[in-house]
Amino acid sequence: MFLSIGWDNVVRAKDVVAILEYDQAAKTVDPVRAENDEADDAAAKSIIVTTEGIYSSPLSVQTLKRRAAVSIPRMIEEENL
């Protein structure tokens, strides 16, 4: 399954390592390294760390958590079929 993280970016749900609040994560993760260069740092609310790269997102951590809660259980069900 895939997780839509905003700014026309989609990542594989199983590749997500962490979803962090932008204000806190920007202190340790360099936002310049984000894969989505068109992203507006002023509008970014979260940073998504995946096995493939780092992305910023205009969506809150809570919104992404809800989306992941729908995507990841579906992915597990499909793998068990």
C-alpha atoms as a PDB file:
ATOM      1  CA  MET A   1       0.000   0.000   0.000  1.00  0.00           C
ATOM      2  CA  PHE A   2       0.988   3.583  -0.455  1.00  0.00           C
ATOM      3  CA  LEU A   3       0.794   6.637   1.770  1.00  0.00           C
ATOM      4  CA  SER A   4       0.013  10.050   0.284  1.00  0.00           C
ATOM      5  CA  ILE A   5       2.171  12.569   2.151  1.00  0.00           C
ATOM      6  CA  GLY A   6       1.140  15.756   0.351  1.00  0.00           C
ATOM      7  CA  TRP A   7       2.747  17.938  -2.324  1.00  0.00           C
ATOM      8  CA  ASP A   8       1.930  15.214  -4.866  1.00  0.00           C
ATOM      9  CA  ASN A   9       4.249  12.724  -3.132  1.00  0.00           C
ATOM     10  CA  VAL A  10       3.412   9.118  -2.377  1.00  0.00           C
ATOM     11  CA  VAL A  11       5.628   6.669  -0.492  1.00  0.00           C
ATOM     12  CA  ARG A  12       5.327   2.948   0.154  1.00  0.00           C
ATOM     13  CA  ALA A  13       3.816   2.438   3.600  1.00  0.00           C
ATOM     14  CA  LYS A  14       6.237  -0.376   4.401  1.00  0.00           C
ATOM     15  CA  ASP A  15       9.221   1.916   3.677  1.00  0.00           C
ATOM     16  CA  VAL A  16       8.222   4.529   6.292  1.00  0.00           C
ATOM     17  CA  VAL A  17      10.719   4.527   9.156  1.00  0.00           C
ATOM     18  CA  ALA A  18       9.496   7.586  11.075  1.00  0.00           C
ATOM     19  CA  ILE A  19       7.077  10.502  10.895  1.00  0.00           C
ATOM     20  CA  LEU A  20       8.326  13.481  12.881  1.00  0.00           C
ATOM     21  CA  GLU A  21       7.053  16.950  13.700  1.00  0.00           C
ATOM     22  CA  TYR A  22       8.836  19.436  11.453  1.00  0.00           C
ATOM     23  CA  ASP A  23       9.805  21.893  14.189  1.00  0.00           C
ATOM     24  CA  GLN A  24      11.467  19.191  16.263  1.00  0.00           C
ATOM     25  CA  ALA A  25      12.934  17.167  13.398  1.00  0.00           C
ATOM     26  CA  ALA A  26      14.427  20.190  11.627  1.00  0.00           C
ATOM     27  CA  LYS A  27      16.825  20.473  14.552  1.00  0.00           C
ATOM     28  CA  THR A  28      18.315  17.044  13.808  1.00  0.00           C
ATOM     29  CA  VAL A  29      17.354  16.248  10.191  1.00  0.00           C
ATOM     30  CA  ASP A  30      18.546  18.686   7.551  1.00  0.00           C
ATOM     31  CA  PRO A  31      15.394  19.756   5.652  1.00  0.00           C
ATOM     32  CA  VAL A  32      17.589  20.663   2.678  1.00  0.00           C
ATOM     33  CA  ARG A  33      18.137  16.924   2.204  1.00  0.00           C
ATOM     34  CA  ALA A  34      14.416  16.438   1.621  1.00  0.00           C
ATOM     35  CA  GLU A  35      13.660  14.647  -1.642  1.00  0.00           C
ATOM     36  CA  ASN A  36      10.780  16.960  -2.580  1.00  0.00           C
ATOM     37  CA  ASP A  37      12.590  20.179  -3.450  1.00  0.00           C
ATOM     38  CA  GLU A  38       9.382  21.973  -4.434  1.00  0.00           C
ATOM     39  CA  ALA A  39       8.207  21.757  -0.832  1.00  0.00           C
ATOM     40  CA  ASP A  40       7.763  25.016   1.021  1.00  0.00           C
ATOM     41  CA  ASP A  41       9.584  24.848   4.361  1.00  0.00           C
ATOM     42  CA  ALA A  42       7.283  27.525   5.798  1.00  0.00           C
ATOM     43  CA  ALA A  43       4.251  25.299   5.136  1.00  0.00           C
ATOM     44  CA  ALA A  44       5.900  22.042   6.227  1.00  0.00           C
ATOM     45  CA  LYS A  45       4.375  20.446   9.312  1.00  0.00           C
ATOM     46  CA  SER A  46       6.132  17.083   9.313  1.00  0.00           C
ATOM     47  CA  ILE A  47       9.112  15.148   8.034  1.00  0.00           C
ATOM     48  CA  ILE A  48       8.781  11.583   6.784  1.00  0.00           C
ATOM     49  CA  VAL A  49      11.874   9.389   6.933  1.00  0.00           C
ATOM     50  CA  THR A  50      11.766   6.371   4.634  1.00  0.00           C
ATOM     51  CA  THR A  51      14.274   3.754   3.574  1.00  0.00           C
ATOM     52  CA  GLU A  52      14.495   5.625   0.254  1.00  0.00           C
ATOM     53  CA  GLY A  53      14.885   9.213   1.511  1.00  0.00           C
ATOM     54  CA  ILE A  54      13.581  12.093   3.579  1.00  0.00           C
ATOM     55  CA  TYR A  55      10.440  14.063   2.665  1.00  0.00           C
ATOM     56  CA  SER A  56       8.760  17.121   4.129  1.00  0.00           C
ATOM     57  CA  SER A  57       4.981  17.326   4.223  1.00  0.00           C
ATOM     58  CA  PRO A  58       2.312  19.992   4.691  1.00  0.00           C
ATOM     59  CA  LEU A  59       0.237  17.420   6.600  1.00  0.00           C
ATOM     60  CA  SER A  60       0.351  17.094  10.369  1.00  0.00           C
ATOM     61  CA  VAL A  61       1.773  14.044  12.112  1.00  0.00           C
ATOM     62  CA  GLN A  62      -1.749  13.150  13.301  1.00  0.00           C
ATOM     63  CA  THR A  63      -3.145  13.209   9.753  1.00  0.00           C
ATOM     64  CA  LEU A  64      -0.317  11.045   8.449  1.00  0.00           C
ATOM     65  CA  LYS A  65      -0.766   8.679  11.390  1.00  0.00           C
ATOM     66  CA  ARG A  66      -4.467   8.265  10.520  1.00  0.00           C
ATOM     67  CA  ARG A  67      -3.629   7.628   6.869  1.00  0.00           C
ATOM     68  CA  ALA A  68      -0.978   5.077   7.855  1.00  0.00           C
ATOM     69  CA  ALA A  69      -3.424   3.364  10.214  1.00  0.00           C
ATOM     70  CA  VAL A  70      -5.627   2.678   7.198  1.00  0.00           C
ATOM     71  CA  SER A  71      -2.815   1.739   4.775  1.00  0.00           C
ATOM     72  CA  ILE A  72      -0.671  -0.510   6.944  1.00  0.00           C
ATOM     73  CA  PRO A  73      -3.406  -2.893   8.206  1.00  0.00           C
ATOM     74  CA  ARG A  74      -4.620  -3.308   4.605  1.00  0.00           C
ATOM     75  CA  MET A  75      -1.078  -4.087   3.533  1.00  0.00           C
ATOM     76  CA  ILE A  76      -0.773  -6.758   6.256  1.00  0.00           C
ATOM     77  CA  GLU A  77      -4.109  -8.312   5.270  1.00  0.00           C
ATOM     78  CA  GLU A  78      -3.101  -8.460   1.607  1.00  0.00           C
ATOM     79  CA  GLU A  79       0.238 -10.128   2.428  1.00  0.00           C
ATOM     80  CA  ASN A  80      -1.513 -12.805   4.527  1.00  0.00           C
ATOM     81  CA  LEU A  81      -3.869 -13.814   1.711  1.00  0.00           C
END
